Amino acid sequence: FDSLQPLHVKRENMRQVLISLKEEKLNKIDYKKKYQRTWLQLRRNEWLKKNGPCKVCGTWENLEIDHIDPSKNKIRIATIWSRRKEVRQKELAKCQVLCKAHHQDKSSEESRVRNKKNNKKKAKAKAAS
């Protein structure tokens, strides 16, 4: 879990984060951006900590969130952390934690299968015309 530590902000430390952001004397827009980025990282890291490690190899390094079945993907993971809790939980229930290497392997295989299906459809349509 050490790989999450640099971004990890414990919920009880959020007050300290707010104080330090105010001390930076940021303008209102920069303050909001930095606060939101910190809050979203907190949500993501809490979920990863609860649902990790990688389902394939068991590592805590370079964790990513993967839709188990990409065809059921309703919301991009990049935007999930700013959604309402109910929406977030419903989408994340369709996900698993994989390390970057295994996520890339799975995505490549899914892409290969998808391309193979598309090529068969194109060949069939071309033969029919």
Protein backbone atom coordinates (compact mmCIF):
# COMPACT_ATOMS: atom_id res chain seq x y z
CA PHE A 1 0.00 0.00 0.00
CA ASP A 2 3.06 2.25 0.17
CA SER A 3 2.59 3.40 -3.42
CA LEU A 4 -0.62 5.20 -2.42
CA GLN A 5 0.98 7.09 0.44
CA PRO A 6 2.20 10.16 -1.48
CA LEU A 7 -1.34 10.98 -2.58
CA HIS A 8 -3.11 9.57 0.44
CA VAL A 9 -4.83 12.05 2.69
CA LYS A 10 -6.60 10.52 5.64
CA ARG A 11 -10.08 11.82 6.28
CA GLU A 12 -9.07 13.07 9.73
CA ASN A 13 -6.24 15.08 8.14
CA MET A 14 -8.56 16.89 5.74
CA ARG A 15 -8.83 19.79 8.20
CA GLN A 16 -5.04 20.17 8.13
CA VAL A 17 -5.13 20.16 4.33
CA LEU A 18 -7.71 22.95 4.36
CA ILE A 19 -5.61 25.00 6.77
CA SER A 20 -2.48 24.53 4.67
CA LEU A 21 -4.37 25.50 1.51
CA LYS A 22 -5.54 28.70 3.19
CA GLU A 23 -2.00 29.43 4.33
CA GLU A 24 -0.82 29.24 0.71
CA LYS A 25 -2.86 32.38 0.10
CA LEU A 26 -4.29 31.00 -3.12
CA ASN A 27 -6.91 32.90 -5.01
CA LYS A 28 -10.41 31.47 -4.71
CA ILE A 29 -10.29 29.50 -7.99
CA ASP A 30 -6.89 27.90 -7.27
CA TYR A 31 -8.00 27.08 -3.73
CA LYS A 32 -11.13 25.32 -5.01
CA LYS A 33 -9.15 23.37 -7.62
CA LYS A 34 -6.56 22.21 -5.12
CA TYR A 35 -9.22 21.35 -2.54
CA GLN A 36 -11.23 19.35 -5.06
CA ARG A 37 -8.16 17.51 -6.38
CA THR A 38 -7.23 16.55 -2.79
CA TRP A 39 -10.78 15.44 -2.02
CA LEU A 40 -11.01 13.31 -5.17
CA GLN A 41 -7.63 11.69 -4.41
CA LEU A 42 -8.89 10.91 -0.93
CA ARG A 43 -11.99 9.16 -2.30
CA ARG A 44 -9.99 7.20 -4.87
CA ASN A 45 -7.30 6.09 -2.43
CA GLU A 46 -9.85 5.06 0.21
CA TRP A 47 -11.59 2.87 -2.38
CA LEU A 48 -8.30 1.37 -3.57
CA LYS A 49 -7.23 0.65 -0.01
CA LYS A 50 -10.56 -1.07 0.71
CA ASN A 51 -10.66 -3.07 -2.57
CA GLY A 52 -6.98 -3.68 -3.33
CA PRO A 53 -4.51 -5.22 -3.93
CA CYS A 54 -4.28 -6.24 -7.61
CA LYS A 55 -6.67 -9.14 -8.18
CA VAL A 56 -4.11 -10.93 -10.37
CA CYS A 57 -0.75 -10.62 -8.63
CA GLY A 58 -1.51 -9.14 -5.21
CA THR A 59 0.73 -6.07 -5.50
CA TRP A 60 -0.14 -2.68 -4.01
CA GLU A 61 2.05 -0.85 -6.56
CA ASN A 62 0.63 1.26 -9.43
CA LEU A 63 -3.00 0.32 -8.82
CA GLU A 64 -5.72 1.16 -11.34
CA ILE A 65 -9.44 0.65 -11.49
CA ASP A 66 -10.78 -1.64 -14.19
CA HIS A 67 -14.32 -2.32 -15.37
CA ILE A 68 -14.66 -6.10 -15.16
CA ASP A 69 -17.00 -6.09 -18.17
CA PRO A 70 -16.29 -3.00 -20.32
CA SER A 71 -19.66 -3.32 -22.07
CA LYS A 72 -21.34 -2.40 -18.76
CA ASN A 73 -19.25 0.75 -18.40
CA LYS A 74 -21.67 3.65 -17.85
CA ILE A 75 -19.28 6.26 -16.40
CA ARG A 76 -15.61 6.89 -17.12
CA ILE A 77 -13.52 6.06 -14.07
CA ALA A 78 -11.69 9.39 -14.39
CA THR A 79 -14.92 11.22 -13.56
CA ILE A 80 -16.41 8.77 -11.05
CA TRP A 81 -14.91 10.35 -7.92
CA SER A 82 -16.89 13.57 -8.27
CA ARG A 83 -20.24 11.76 -8.56
CA ARG A 84 -22.85 11.26 -5.85
CA LYS A 85 -22.11 8.38 -3.49
CA GLU A 86 -24.98 6.23 -4.83
CA VAL A 87 -23.88 6.68 -8.46
CA ARG A 88 -20.24 6.09 -7.55
CA GLN A 89 -20.99 2.92 -5.59
CA LYS A 90 -23.20 1.50 -8.34
CA GLU A 91 -20.48 1.99 -10.97
CA LEU A 92 -17.60 0.85 -8.76
CA ALA A 93 -19.49 -2.37 -7.98
CA LYS A 94 -18.73 -3.30 -11.61
CA CYS A 95 -15.00 -2.68 -11.13
CA GLN A 96 -11.93 -4.40 -9.79
CA VAL A 97 -8.44 -3.32 -8.79
CA LEU A 98 -5.57 -4.27 -11.09
CA CYS A 99 -1.96 -3.14 -11.19
CA LYS A 100 -1.02 -1.08 -14.23
CA ALA A 101 0.66 -4.01 -16.00
CA HIS A 102 -2.29 -6.38 -15.59
CA HIS A 103 -4.78 -3.63 -16.48
CA GLN A 104 -2.87 -2.99 -19.73
CA ASP A 105 -2.78 -6.72 -20.48
CA LYS A 106 -6.53 -7.07 -19.90
CA SER A 107 -7.34 -3.96 -21.95
CA SER A 108 -5.12 -5.12 -24.83
CA GLU A 109 -6.81 -8.51 -24.90
CA GLU A 110 -10.28 -6.90 -24.83
CA SER A 111 -9.26 -4.62 -27.68
CA ARG A 112 -7.90 -7.56 -29.69
CA VAL A 113 -11.15 -9.52 -29.23
CA ARG A 114 -13.25 -6.45 -30.09
CA ASN A 115 -11.22 -5.82 -33.28
CA LYS A 116 -11.52 -9.47 -34.29
CA LYS A 117 -15.32 -9.30 -33.94
CA ASN A 118 -15.46 -6.03 -35.91
CA ASN A 119 -13.33 -7.49 -38.70
CA LYS A 120 -15.63 -10.52 -38.96
CA LYS A 121 -18.67 -8.23 -39.20
CA LYS A 122 -16.99 -6.14 -41.92
CA ALA A 123 -16.01 -9.25 -43.89
CA LYS A 124 -19.55 -10.63 -43.60
CA ALA A 125 -21.07 -7.32 -44.75
CA LYS A 126 -18.61 -7.09 -47.64
CA ALA A 127 -19.41 -10.66 -48.73
CA ALA A 128 -23.15 -9.91 -48.60
CA SER A 129 -22.83 -6.86 -50.88
